[in-house]
Amino acid sequence: MQNNNLLQFILASSQPSHKALFKSLCDADPAQWFFAKKPCDLKELLGRFEPRFIFFTHWNWKVEESIVIQNECVCFHMTDLPYGRGGSPLQNLILAEKKKTKMSAFRMTDELDAGPIYFQKELSLDGRAASIYNRASNICKELIRRIIEECPVPTPQIGNPTVFKRRKPEQSQIPYYSSLEQLHDFIRMLDAPGYPLAFIEHG
């Protein structure tokens, strides 16, 4: 039987690996946690509960404006916002030869990746994509805990935005590179489950 006096939170993610993040949050927090992996799950939960926060750690769909207005929706983005708004942040960062970035936790608005920021934390871009995503997940957990405990007021983004374009599957074909380091970066930035792996066509 659920305790209706407990705070309620939703973790929204279309990434299967974030089920482990969800479990760790449930184990560490005396609250009611719910998991939404697609928009219909989110709508169903919002019809039954009134979450204090909705945390979007990986989401493939535009969130309805009514949900953003009526709830405190926290999104996580793997860039030092307002730099790198938009799609495929990890791949675009590595192609730009960045060695580190910041995980930004910000409040959702009707403009993509433009909301005010709660917290940021440095994230290394070393290793294959899967390893980077695992480190990012751990940072998300840390920032989620801070947001729940501190309930901070987010501050507006400062500076001129730089916007990334979402990469398409056909862009995973390996181009010509003049150095092995560039080739290695192209392969490792796509080396994670659920992403179109680097490929070549021969014959």
N, C-alpha and C. Protein backbone atom coordinates (compact mmCIF):
# COMPACT_ATOMS: atom_id res chain seq x y z
N MET A 1 0.85 -1.19 0.00
CA MET A 1 0.00 0.00 0.00
C MET A 1 0.89 1.25 0.00
N GLN A 2 0.57 2.18 -0.88
CA GLN A 2 1.39 3.37 -1.02
C GLN A 2 1.02 4.42 0.01
N ASN A 3 2.02 5.14 0.49
CA ASN A 3 1.83 6.22 1.45
C ASN A 3 1.62 7.52 0.69
N ASN A 4 0.41 8.07 0.71
CA ASN A 4 0.09 9.26 -0.06
C ASN A 4 0.73 10.52 0.51
N ASN A 5 1.36 10.41 1.71
CA ASN A 5 2.03 11.56 2.29
C ASN A 5 3.45 11.72 1.76
N LEU A 6 3.95 10.72 1.05
CA LEU A 6 5.29 10.80 0.51
C LEU A 6 5.32 11.70 -0.72
N LEU A 7 6.47 12.37 -0.92
CA LEU A 7 6.65 13.12 -2.15
C LEU A 7 6.67 12.17 -3.34
N GLN A 8 6.24 12.67 -4.48
CA GLN A 8 6.18 11.84 -5.68
C GLN A 8 7.06 12.46 -6.77
N PHE A 9 7.81 11.58 -7.46
CA PHE A 9 8.70 12.02 -8.53
C PHE A 9 8.55 11.07 -9.71
N ILE A 10 8.76 11.61 -10.90
CA ILE A 10 8.75 10.80 -12.11
C ILE A 10 10.11 10.90 -12.78
N LEU A 11 10.68 9.75 -13.14
CA LEU A 11 11.86 9.72 -13.99
C LEU A 11 11.39 9.33 -15.39
N ALA A 12 11.59 10.20 -16.35
CA ALA A 12 11.15 9.96 -17.73
C ALA A 12 12.36 9.72 -18.60
N SER A 13 12.45 8.53 -19.19
CA SER A 13 13.59 8.20 -20.03
C SER A 13 13.20 7.12 -21.04
N SER A 14 13.60 7.33 -22.27
CA SER A 14 13.40 6.32 -23.31
C SER A 14 14.63 5.42 -23.43
N GLN A 15 15.61 5.64 -22.58
CA GLN A 15 16.85 4.86 -22.60
C GLN A 15 16.73 3.68 -21.63
N PRO A 16 16.71 2.42 -22.12
CA PRO A 16 16.53 1.26 -21.23
C PRO A 16 17.54 1.21 -20.09
N SER A 17 18.76 1.67 -20.32
CA SER A 17 19.78 1.60 -19.27
C SER A 17 19.44 2.49 -18.07
N HIS A 18 18.54 3.44 -18.23
CA HIS A 18 18.17 4.31 -17.13
C HIS A 18 17.23 3.65 -16.14
N LYS A 19 16.81 2.41 -16.43
CA LYS A 19 16.05 1.65 -15.43
C LYS A 19 16.92 1.42 -14.18
N ALA A 20 18.23 1.23 -14.38
CA ALA A 20 19.14 1.07 -13.24
C ALA A 20 19.22 2.36 -12.43
N LEU A 21 19.24 3.50 -13.11
CA LEU A 21 19.22 4.79 -12.42
C LEU A 21 17.93 4.93 -11.62
N PHE A 22 16.82 4.55 -12.21
CA PHE A 22 15.53 4.61 -11.53
C PHE A 22 15.54 3.76 -10.26
N LYS A 23 16.07 2.53 -10.36
CA LYS A 23 16.11 1.64 -9.20
C LYS A 23 16.97 2.23 -8.09
N SER A 24 18.10 2.82 -8.46
CA SER A 24 18.98 3.38 -7.43
C SER A 24 18.32 4.58 -6.74
N LEU A 25 17.53 5.35 -7.47
CA LEU A 25 16.81 6.47 -6.86
C LEU A 25 15.72 5.95 -5.92
N CYS A 26 15.05 4.91 -6.33
CA CYS A 26 14.01 4.31 -5.46
C CYS A 26 14.62 3.79 -4.17
N ASP A 27 15.78 3.13 -4.28
CA ASP A 27 16.41 2.53 -3.12
C ASP A 27 16.93 3.58 -2.14
N ALA A 28 17.30 4.76 -2.67
CA ALA A 28 17.94 5.77 -1.82
C ALA A 28 16.98 6.80 -1.25
N ASP A 29 15.74 6.81 -1.70
CA ASP A 29 14.85 7.92 -1.36
C ASP A 29 13.53 7.41 -0.78
N PRO A 30 13.13 7.89 0.41
CA PRO A 30 11.82 7.52 0.97
C PRO A 30 10.70 8.32 0.31
N ALA A 31 10.51 8.08 -0.97
CA ALA A 31 9.51 8.80 -1.74
C ALA A 31 8.88 7.82 -2.71
N GLN A 32 7.85 8.27 -3.41
CA GLN A 32 7.22 7.45 -4.44
C GLN A 32 7.83 7.84 -5.78
N TRP A 33 8.50 6.88 -6.41
CA TRP A 33 9.11 7.09 -7.71
C TRP A 33 8.34 6.32 -8.77
N PHE A 34 8.19 6.94 -9.94
CA PHE A 34 7.51 6.30 -11.06
C PHE A 34 8.36 6.49 -12.31
N PHE A 35 8.29 5.50 -13.21
CA PHE A 35 9.12 5.52 -14.41
C PHE A 35 8.25 5.61 -15.65
N ALA A 36 8.58 6.55 -16.53
CA ALA A 36 7.87 6.71 -17.81
C ALA A 36 8.88 6.52 -18.93
N LYS A 37 8.59 5.56 -19.83
CA LYS A 37 9.53 5.33 -20.93
C LYS A 37 9.00 5.84 -22.26
N LYS A 38 7.75 6.30 -22.29
CA LYS A 38 7.19 6.88 -23.51
C LYS A 38 6.06 7.85 -23.13
N PRO A 39 5.62 8.70 -24.06
CA PRO A 39 4.64 9.73 -23.72
C PRO A 39 3.34 9.21 -23.11
N CYS A 40 2.85 8.05 -23.56
CA CYS A 40 1.60 7.53 -23.00
C CYS A 40 1.77 7.15 -21.52
N ASP A 41 2.96 6.65 -21.15
CA ASP A 41 3.24 6.36 -19.74
C ASP A 41 3.19 7.63 -18.91
N LEU A 42 3.80 8.70 -19.45
CA LEU A 42 3.85 9.96 -18.73
C LEU A 42 2.45 10.53 -18.52
N LYS A 43 1.63 10.49 -19.56
CA LYS A 43 0.26 11.00 -19.44
C LYS A 43 -0.54 10.21 -18.41
N GLU A 44 -0.37 8.88 -18.44
CA GLU A 44 -1.10 8.03 -17.50
C GLU A 44 -0.71 8.35 -16.06
N LEU A 45 0.57 8.53 -15.81
CA LEU A 45 1.04 8.85 -14.46
C LEU A 45 0.55 10.22 -14.00
N LEU A 46 0.56 11.19 -14.89
CA LEU A 46 0.11 12.54 -14.53
C LEU A 46 -1.39 12.60 -14.30
N GLY A 47 -2.12 11.63 -14.84
CA GLY A 47 -3.55 11.54 -14.57
C GLY A 47 -3.85 10.98 -13.19
N ARG A 48 -2.85 10.35 -12.56
CA ARG A 48 -3.06 9.71 -11.25
C ARG A 48 -2.30 10.37 -10.12
N PHE A 49 -1.19 11.05 -10.44
CA PHE A 49 -0.32 11.58 -9.40
C PHE A 49 0.02 13.05 -9.66
N GLU A 50 0.54 13.70 -8.62
CA GLU A 50 0.99 15.08 -8.73
C GLU A 50 2.46 15.15 -8.30
N PRO A 51 3.37 14.87 -9.22
CA PRO A 51 4.79 14.79 -8.85
C PRO A 51 5.35 16.16 -8.49
N ARG A 52 6.30 16.16 -7.55
CA ARG A 52 7.00 17.40 -7.21
C ARG A 52 7.92 17.80 -8.35
N PHE A 53 8.62 16.82 -8.93
CA PHE A 53 9.47 17.06 -10.10
C PHE A 53 9.27 15.94 -11.11
N ILE A 54 9.42 16.27 -12.38
CA ILE A 54 9.56 15.26 -13.42
C ILE A 54 10.97 15.42 -13.99
N PHE A 55 11.78 14.37 -13.90
CA PHE A 55 13.16 14.41 -14.37
C PHE A 55 13.27 13.70 -15.72
N PHE A 56 13.65 14.45 -16.75
CA PHE A 56 13.82 13.89 -18.09
C PHE A 56 15.31 13.68 -18.34
N THR A 57 15.75 12.43 -18.22
CA THR A 57 17.17 12.14 -18.40
C THR A 57 17.50 11.77 -19.84
N HIS A 58 16.54 11.27 -20.59
CA HIS A 58 16.73 10.95 -22.01
C HIS A 58 15.33 10.80 -22.62
N TRP A 59 14.96 11.70 -23.51
CA TRP A 59 13.57 11.70 -24.01
C TRP A 59 13.57 12.01 -25.50
N ASN A 60 12.88 11.20 -26.26
CA ASN A 60 12.92 11.31 -27.73
C ASN A 60 11.79 12.13 -28.32
N TRP A 61 10.95 12.69 -27.47
CA TRP A 61 9.76 13.38 -27.97
C TRP A 61 9.67 14.79 -27.36
N LYS A 62 9.00 15.68 -28.09
CA LYS A 62 8.73 17.01 -27.55
C LYS A 62 7.65 16.88 -26.47
N VAL A 63 7.91 17.45 -25.31
CA VAL A 63 6.97 17.38 -24.19
C VAL A 63 5.86 18.41 -24.41
N GLU A 64 4.64 17.99 -24.22
CA GLU A 64 3.50 18.88 -24.44
C GLU A 64 3.62 20.13 -23.56
N GLU A 65 3.24 21.27 -24.14
CA GLU A 65 3.36 22.54 -23.43
C GLU A 65 2.57 22.54 -22.12
N SER A 66 1.41 21.90 -22.13
CA SER A 66 0.59 21.87 -20.92
C SER A 66 1.29 21.16 -19.78
N ILE A 67 2.07 20.11 -20.09
CA ILE A 67 2.82 19.38 -19.07
C ILE A 67 3.92 20.26 -18.50
N VAL A 68 4.60 20.99 -19.37
CA VAL A 68 5.70 21.86 -18.94
C VAL A 68 5.17 23.00 -18.07
N ILE A 69 4.00 23.52 -18.41
CA ILE A 69 3.43 24.64 -17.65
C ILE A 69 2.94 24.19 -16.28
N GLN A 70 2.33 23.02 -16.21
CA GLN A 70 1.67 22.57 -14.99
C GLN A 70 2.60 21.82 -14.03
N ASN A 71 3.80 21.47 -14.48
CA ASN A 71 4.72 20.68 -13.66
C ASN A 71 6.12 21.28 -13.72
N GLU A 72 6.91 21.02 -12.66
CA GLU A 72 8.31 21.43 -12.69
C GLU A 72 9.11 20.31 -13.36
N CYS A 73 9.42 20.54 -14.63
CA CYS A 73 10.08 19.54 -15.45
C CYS A 73 11.57 19.86 -15.55
N VAL A 74 12.40 18.92 -15.16
CA VAL A 74 13.85 19.10 -15.15
C VAL A 74 14.45 18.24 -16.25
N CYS A 75 15.20 18.89 -17.14
CA CYS A 75 15.83 18.17 -18.24
C CYS A 75 17.35 18.17 -18.05
N PHE A 76 18.01 17.14 -18.57
CA PHE A 76 19.46 17.03 -18.48
C PHE A 76 20.05 17.05 -19.89
N HIS A 77 21.07 17.88 -20.07
CA HIS A 77 21.68 18.04 -21.39
C HIS A 77 23.19 18.06 -21.23
N MET A 78 23.88 17.35 -22.13
CA MET A 78 25.31 17.10 -21.99
C MET A 78 26.18 18.21 -22.59
N THR A 79 25.80 19.47 -22.36
CA THR A 79 26.65 20.58 -22.80
C THR A 79 26.60 21.70 -21.77
N ASP A 80 27.53 22.62 -21.91
CA ASP A 80 27.59 23.81 -21.06
C ASP A 80 26.65 24.86 -21.65
N LEU A 81 25.36 24.69 -21.41
CA LEU A 81 24.35 25.58 -22.00
C LEU A 81 24.65 27.04 -21.66
N PRO A 82 24.39 27.94 -22.64
CA PRO A 82 23.63 27.76 -23.89
C PRO A 82 24.44 27.22 -25.07
N TYR A 83 25.70 26.86 -24.84
CA TYR A 83 26.46 26.21 -25.92
C TYR A 83 25.92 24.80 -26.13
N GLY A 84 25.69 24.44 -27.39
CA GLY A 84 25.33 23.07 -27.71
C GLY A 84 23.88 22.68 -27.48
N ARG A 85 22.98 23.63 -27.58
CA ARG A 85 21.57 23.24 -27.57
C ARG A 85 21.29 22.36 -28.78
N GLY A 86 20.27 21.49 -28.66
CA GLY A 86 19.90 20.67 -29.81
C GLY A 86 20.33 19.22 -29.68
N GLY A 87 20.34 18.53 -30.82
CA GLY A 87 20.48 17.08 -30.82
C GLY A 87 21.91 16.57 -30.88
N SER A 88 22.05 15.28 -30.55
CA SER A 88 23.31 14.54 -30.62
C SER A 88 24.47 15.28 -29.95
N PRO A 89 24.29 15.72 -28.70
CA PRO A 89 25.35 16.53 -28.08
C PRO A 89 26.68 15.81 -27.95
N LEU A 90 26.69 14.54 -27.54
CA LEU A 90 27.96 13.84 -27.36
C LEU A 90 28.74 13.77 -28.66
N GLN A 91 28.07 13.36 -29.73
CA GLN A 91 28.74 13.20 -31.01
C GLN A 91 29.25 14.55 -31.53
N ASN A 92 28.43 15.58 -31.40
CA ASN A 92 28.85 16.90 -31.87
C ASN A 92 30.01 17.46 -31.05
N LEU A 93 30.03 17.17 -29.76
CA LEU A 93 31.14 17.62 -28.92
C LEU A 93 32.45 16.96 -29.32
N ILE A 94 32.41 15.64 -29.54
CA ILE A 94 33.62 14.92 -29.91
C ILE A 94 34.11 15.35 -31.29
N LEU A 95 33.19 15.56 -32.22
CA LEU A 95 33.58 16.05 -33.55
C LEU A 95 34.22 17.44 -33.47
N ALA A 96 33.81 18.21 -32.46
CA ALA A 96 34.41 19.53 -32.24
C ALA A 96 35.70 19.45 -31.44
N GLU A 97 36.16 18.21 -31.18
CA GLU A 97 37.42 17.93 -30.49
C GLU A 97 37.43 18.42 -29.04
N LYS A 98 36.26 18.39 -28.40
CA LYS A 98 36.18 18.75 -26.99
C LYS A 98 36.62 17.55 -26.15
N LYS A 99 37.33 17.82 -25.07
CA LYS A 99 37.82 16.77 -24.18
C LYS A 99 36.95 16.63 -22.93
N LYS A 100 36.18 17.65 -22.63
CA LYS A 100 35.28 17.61 -21.48
C LYS A 100 34.11 18.54 -21.76
N THR A 101 33.05 18.37 -20.98
CA THR A 101 31.86 19.18 -21.13
C THR A 101 31.24 19.35 -19.76
N LYS A 102 30.02 19.83 -19.72
CA LYS A 102 29.27 19.91 -18.47
C LYS A 102 27.90 19.29 -18.66
N MET A 103 27.46 18.56 -17.66
CA MET A 103 26.07 18.10 -17.63
C MET A 103 25.24 19.22 -17.03
N SER A 104 24.27 19.72 -17.78
CA SER A 104 23.42 20.81 -17.32
C SER A 104 22.04 20.28 -16.95
N ALA A 105 21.60 20.60 -15.73
CA ALA A 105 20.23 20.31 -15.30
C ALA A 105 19.47 21.63 -15.35
N PHE A 106 18.43 21.68 -16.17
CA PHE A 106 17.71 22.94 -16.35
C PHE A 106 16.21 22.71 -16.35
N ARG A 107 15.48 23.78 -16.10
CA ARG A 107 14.01 23.69 -16.11
C ARG A 107 13.50 23.82 -17.53
N MET A 108 12.63 22.92 -17.93
CA MET A 108 12.07 22.94 -19.27
C MET A 108 11.18 24.16 -19.49
N THR A 109 11.27 24.71 -20.70
CA THR A 109 10.36 25.75 -21.17
C THR A 109 9.86 25.32 -22.54
N ASP A 110 9.10 26.18 -23.19
CA ASP A 110 8.59 25.82 -24.52
C ASP A 110 9.66 25.96 -25.60
N GLU A 111 10.84 26.51 -25.26
CA GLU A 111 11.95 26.62 -26.21
C GLU A 111 12.98 25.55 -25.90
N LEU A 112 13.44 24.85 -26.93
CA LEU A 112 14.31 23.69 -26.77
C LEU A 112 15.62 24.06 -26.06
N ASP A 113 15.89 23.38 -24.94
CA ASP A 113 17.15 23.50 -24.19
C ASP A 113 17.47 24.93 -23.76
N ALA A 114 16.45 25.76 -23.58
CA ALA A 114 16.68 27.18 -23.31
C ALA A 114 16.32 27.60 -21.89
N GLY A 115 15.84 26.66 -21.08
CA GLY A 115 15.36 27.02 -19.76
C GLY A 115 16.46 27.36 -18.78
N PRO A 116 16.09 27.96 -17.65
CA PRO A 116 17.06 28.33 -16.63
C PRO A 116 17.71 27.10 -15.99
N ILE A 117 18.93 27.29 -15.49
CA ILE A 117 19.76 26.17 -15.04
C ILE A 117 19.75 26.04 -13.52
N TYR A 118 19.54 24.79 -13.06
CA TYR A 118 19.65 24.49 -11.62
C TYR A 118 21.11 24.29 -11.23
N PHE A 119 21.74 23.31 -11.89
CA PHE A 119 23.13 22.96 -11.57
C PHE A 119 23.84 22.50 -12.83
N GLN A 120 25.17 22.58 -12.80
CA GLN A 120 26.02 22.00 -13.84
C GLN A 120 27.18 21.25 -13.17
N LYS A 121 27.64 20.20 -13.82
CA LYS A 121 28.81 19.48 -13.29
C LYS A 121 29.64 18.97 -14.45
N GLU A 122 30.97 19.05 -14.27
CA GLU A 122 31.90 18.67 -15.35
C GLU A 122 31.80 17.19 -15.67
N LEU A 123 31.92 16.88 -16.95
CA LEU A 123 31.86 15.50 -17.45
C LEU A 123 32.98 15.28 -18.44
N SER A 124 33.81 14.25 -18.20
CA SER A 124 34.89 13.91 -19.11
C SER A 124 34.33 13.22 -20.35
N LEU A 125 34.96 13.50 -21.50
CA LEU A 125 34.55 12.87 -22.75
C LEU A 125 35.54 11.79 -23.18
N ASP A 126 36.32 11.27 -22.24
CA ASP A 126 37.25 10.18 -22.53
C ASP A 126 36.49 8.87 -22.71
N GLY A 127 37.03 7.98 -23.56
CA GLY A 127 36.48 6.64 -23.67
C GLY A 127 35.38 6.51 -24.70
N ARG A 128 34.85 5.28 -24.78
CA ARG A 128 33.78 5.02 -25.74
C ARG A 128 32.47 5.63 -25.25
N ALA A 129 31.54 5.80 -26.19
CA ALA A 129 30.28 6.47 -25.87
C ALA A 129 29.56 5.83 -24.70
N ALA A 130 29.54 4.49 -24.64
CA ALA A 130 28.83 3.81 -23.56
C ALA A 130 29.38 4.19 -22.20
N SER A 131 30.71 4.31 -22.10
CA SER A 131 31.33 4.70 -20.83
C SER A 131 30.97 6.13 -20.46
N ILE A 132 30.93 7.01 -21.45
CA ILE A 132 30.57 8.41 -21.19
C ILE A 132 29.13 8.50 -20.72
N TYR A 133 28.25 7.75 -21.35
CA TYR A 133 26.84 7.77 -20.94
C TYR A 133 26.67 7.23 -19.52
N ASN A 134 27.46 6.24 -19.15
CA ASN A 134 27.39 5.72 -17.78
C ASN A 134 27.81 6.78 -16.77
N ARG A 135 28.89 7.50 -17.08
CA ARG A 135 29.31 8.58 -16.19
C ARG A 135 28.25 9.67 -16.12
N ALA A 136 27.64 9.96 -17.27
CA ALA A 136 26.58 10.98 -17.31
C ALA A 136 25.40 10.57 -16.45
N SER A 137 25.05 9.28 -16.47
CA SER A 137 23.95 8.78 -15.65
C SER A 137 24.23 8.97 -14.17
N ASN A 138 25.48 8.71 -13.76
CA ASN A 138 25.85 8.91 -12.36
C ASN A 138 25.75 10.37 -11.95
N ILE A 139 26.14 11.26 -12.86
CA ILE A 139 26.02 12.69 -12.58
C ILE A 139 24.56 13.09 -12.49
N CYS A 140 23.73 12.55 -13.36
CA CYS A 140 22.29 12.83 -13.29
C CYS A 140 21.74 12.46 -11.92
N LYS A 141 22.12 11.30 -11.43
CA LYS A 141 21.64 10.87 -10.12
C LYS A 141 22.06 11.87 -9.04
N GLU A 142 23.32 12.30 -9.08
CA GLU A 142 23.82 13.25 -8.09
C GLU A 142 23.04 14.57 -8.15
N LEU A 143 22.82 15.06 -9.37
CA LEU A 143 22.11 16.34 -9.52
C LEU A 143 20.64 16.22 -9.14
N ILE A 144 20.03 15.08 -9.43
CA ILE A 144 18.64 14.84 -9.02
C ILE A 144 18.52 14.92 -7.50
N ARG A 145 19.47 14.26 -6.81
CA ARG A 145 19.44 14.28 -5.35
C ARG A 145 19.58 15.72 -4.82
N ARG A 146 20.47 16.49 -5.42
CA ARG A 146 20.65 17.89 -4.99
C ARG A 146 19.39 18.72 -5.22
N ILE A 147 18.76 18.53 -6.35
CA ILE A 147 17.55 19.30 -6.67
C ILE A 147 16.44 18.97 -5.69
N ILE A 148 16.27 17.69 -5.38
CA ILE A 148 15.23 17.27 -4.44
C ILE A 148 15.51 17.85 -3.05
N GLU A 149 16.76 17.79 -2.63
CA GLU A 149 17.11 18.23 -1.27
C GLU A 149 17.10 19.75 -1.12
N GLU A 150 17.53 20.46 -2.17
CA GLU A 150 17.71 21.91 -2.05
C GLU A 150 16.60 22.73 -2.68
N CYS A 151 15.83 22.14 -3.60
CA CYS A 151 14.78 22.86 -4.33
C CYS A 151 15.26 24.24 -4.78
N PRO A 152 16.34 24.29 -5.55
CA PRO A 152 16.93 25.59 -5.92
C PRO A 152 16.07 26.33 -6.94
N VAL A 153 16.25 27.63 -6.98
CA VAL A 153 15.62 28.45 -8.02
C VAL A 153 16.60 28.50 -9.19
N PRO A 154 16.20 28.01 -10.37
CA PRO A 154 17.14 28.00 -11.50
C PRO A 154 17.43 29.42 -12.00
N THR A 155 18.63 29.59 -12.56
CA THR A 155 19.05 30.91 -13.04
C THR A 155 19.10 30.90 -14.57
N PRO A 156 18.76 32.02 -15.20
CA PRO A 156 18.73 32.08 -16.67
C PRO A 156 20.08 31.76 -17.30
N GLN A 157 20.05 31.19 -18.48
CA GLN A 157 21.26 30.94 -19.23
C GLN A 157 21.88 32.27 -19.66
N ILE A 158 23.21 32.30 -19.70
CA ILE A 158 23.93 33.52 -20.06
C ILE A 158 24.77 33.28 -21.30
N GLY A 159 24.67 34.19 -22.27
CA GLY A 159 25.50 34.09 -23.48
C GLY A 159 24.68 33.78 -24.71
N ASN A 160 25.35 33.83 -25.84
CA ASN A 160 24.69 33.54 -27.12
C ASN A 160 24.65 32.03 -27.34
N PRO A 161 23.47 31.50 -27.69
CA PRO A 161 23.36 30.04 -27.87
C PRO A 161 24.05 29.54 -29.13
N THR A 162 24.62 28.35 -29.01
CA THR A 162 25.13 27.59 -30.15
C THR A 162 24.25 26.35 -30.28
N VAL A 163 23.76 26.06 -31.46
CA VAL A 163 22.78 24.98 -31.65
C VAL A 163 23.39 23.84 -32.45
N PHE A 164 23.27 22.63 -31.92
CA PHE A 164 23.71 21.43 -32.62
C PHE A 164 22.55 20.85 -33.44
N LYS A 165 22.90 20.20 -34.55
CA LYS A 165 21.90 19.48 -35.35
C LYS A 165 21.93 18.00 -34.98
N ARG A 166 20.74 17.41 -34.87
CA ARG A 166 20.67 15.97 -34.58
C ARG A 166 21.24 15.19 -35.76
N ARG A 167 22.10 14.23 -35.45
CA ARG A 167 22.71 13.42 -36.49
C ARG A 167 21.74 12.36 -36.99
N LYS A 168 21.90 11.99 -38.26
CA LYS A 168 21.08 10.97 -38.90
C LYS A 168 21.87 9.68 -39.02
N PRO A 169 21.18 8.52 -39.10
CA PRO A 169 21.89 7.23 -39.17
C PRO A 169 22.92 7.16 -40.29
N GLU A 170 22.60 7.74 -41.45
CA GLU A 170 23.54 7.64 -42.56
C GLU A 170 24.83 8.42 -42.31
N GLN A 171 24.81 9.32 -41.34
CA GLN A 171 26.03 10.06 -41.00
C GLN A 171 27.01 9.23 -40.19
N SER A 172 26.63 7.99 -39.88
CA SER A 172 27.55 7.09 -39.18
C SER A 172 28.54 6.42 -40.13
N GLN A 173 28.36 6.62 -41.44
CA GLN A 173 29.35 6.09 -42.38
C GLN A 173 30.67 6.83 -42.18
N ILE A 174 31.74 6.06 -42.02
CA ILE A 174 33.05 6.63 -41.68
C ILE A 174 33.59 7.45 -42.86
N PRO A 175 33.86 8.72 -42.64
CA PRO A 175 34.45 9.54 -43.70
C PRO A 175 35.96 9.34 -43.76
N TYR A 176 36.60 9.99 -44.72
CA TYR A 176 38.06 9.94 -44.79
C TYR A 176 38.64 10.82 -43.70
N TYR A 177 39.61 10.28 -42.98
CA TYR A 177 40.30 11.06 -41.97
C TYR A 177 41.80 10.97 -42.21
N SER A 178 42.48 12.07 -41.92
CA SER A 178 43.92 12.13 -42.14
C SER A 178 44.72 11.61 -40.95
N SER A 179 44.04 11.38 -39.80
CA SER A 179 44.75 10.89 -38.62
C SER A 179 43.98 9.75 -37.97
N LEU A 180 44.73 8.85 -37.31
CA LEU A 180 44.11 7.75 -36.59
C LEU A 180 43.30 8.26 -35.40
N GLU A 181 43.72 9.36 -34.79
CA GLU A 181 42.99 9.92 -33.65
C GLU A 181 41.59 10.36 -34.07
N GLN A 182 41.48 11.02 -35.22
CA GLN A 182 40.16 11.43 -35.71
C GLN A 182 39.29 10.22 -36.03
N LEU A 183 39.88 9.20 -36.62
CA LEU A 183 39.15 7.97 -36.92
C LEU A 183 38.66 7.31 -35.64
N HIS A 184 39.55 7.23 -34.65
CA HIS A 184 39.18 6.63 -33.37
C HIS A 184 38.04 7.41 -32.71
N ASP A 185 38.10 8.74 -32.74
CA ASP A 185 37.04 9.55 -32.14
C ASP A 185 35.70 9.29 -32.83
N PHE A 186 35.73 9.16 -34.15
CA PHE A 186 34.47 8.94 -34.88
C PHE A 186 33.86 7.59 -34.49
N ILE A 187 34.68 6.57 -34.35
CA ILE A 187 34.17 5.24 -34.00
C ILE A 187 33.67 5.21 -32.56
N ARG A 188 34.45 5.77 -31.62
CA ARG A 188 34.08 5.68 -30.20
C ARG A 188 32.85 6.52 -29.87
N MET A 189 32.62 7.61 -30.59
CA MET A 189 31.50 8.48 -30.26
C MET A 189 30.15 7.82 -30.56
N LEU A 190 30.19 6.74 -31.35
CA LEU A 190 28.97 6.01 -31.71
C LEU A 190 28.89 4.64 -31.05
N ASP A 191 29.86 4.33 -30.21
CA ASP A 191 29.99 2.98 -29.65
C ASP A 191 29.18 2.85 -28.36
N ALA A 192 27.85 2.74 -28.51
CA ALA A 192 26.95 2.57 -27.38
C ALA A 192 25.67 1.89 -27.86
N PRO A 193 25.06 1.04 -27.02
CA PRO A 193 23.81 0.38 -27.40
C PRO A 193 22.73 1.40 -27.76
N GLY A 194 22.00 1.10 -28.83
CA GLY A 194 20.89 1.97 -29.21
C GLY A 194 21.27 3.08 -30.16
N TYR A 195 22.56 3.15 -30.54
CA TYR A 195 23.01 4.20 -31.45
C TYR A 195 23.49 3.57 -32.75
N PRO A 196 23.37 4.28 -33.87
CA PRO A 196 23.85 3.73 -35.15
C PRO A 196 25.37 3.68 -35.16
N LEU A 197 25.95 2.48 -35.15
CA LEU A 197 27.40 2.32 -35.07
C LEU A 197 28.08 2.82 -36.34
N ALA A 198 29.34 3.19 -36.20
CA ALA A 198 30.13 3.61 -37.35
C ALA A 198 30.26 2.44 -38.32
N PHE A 199 30.25 2.75 -39.63
CA PHE A 199 30.32 1.67 -40.63
C PHE A 199 31.02 2.18 -41.90
N ILE A 200 31.47 1.21 -42.70
CA ILE A 200 32.00 1.52 -44.03
C ILE A 200 31.28 0.64 -45.03
N GLU A 201 31.21 1.09 -46.27
CA GLU A 201 30.67 0.29 -47.35
C GLU A 201 31.83 -0.10 -48.27
N HIS A 202 31.93 -1.41 -48.56
CA HIS A 202 33.04 -1.90 -49.36
C HIS A 202 32.54 -2.99 -50.30
N GLY A 203 32.70 -2.77 -51.60
CA GLY A 203 32.30 -3.78 -52.56
C GLY A 203 30.79 -3.81 -52.75
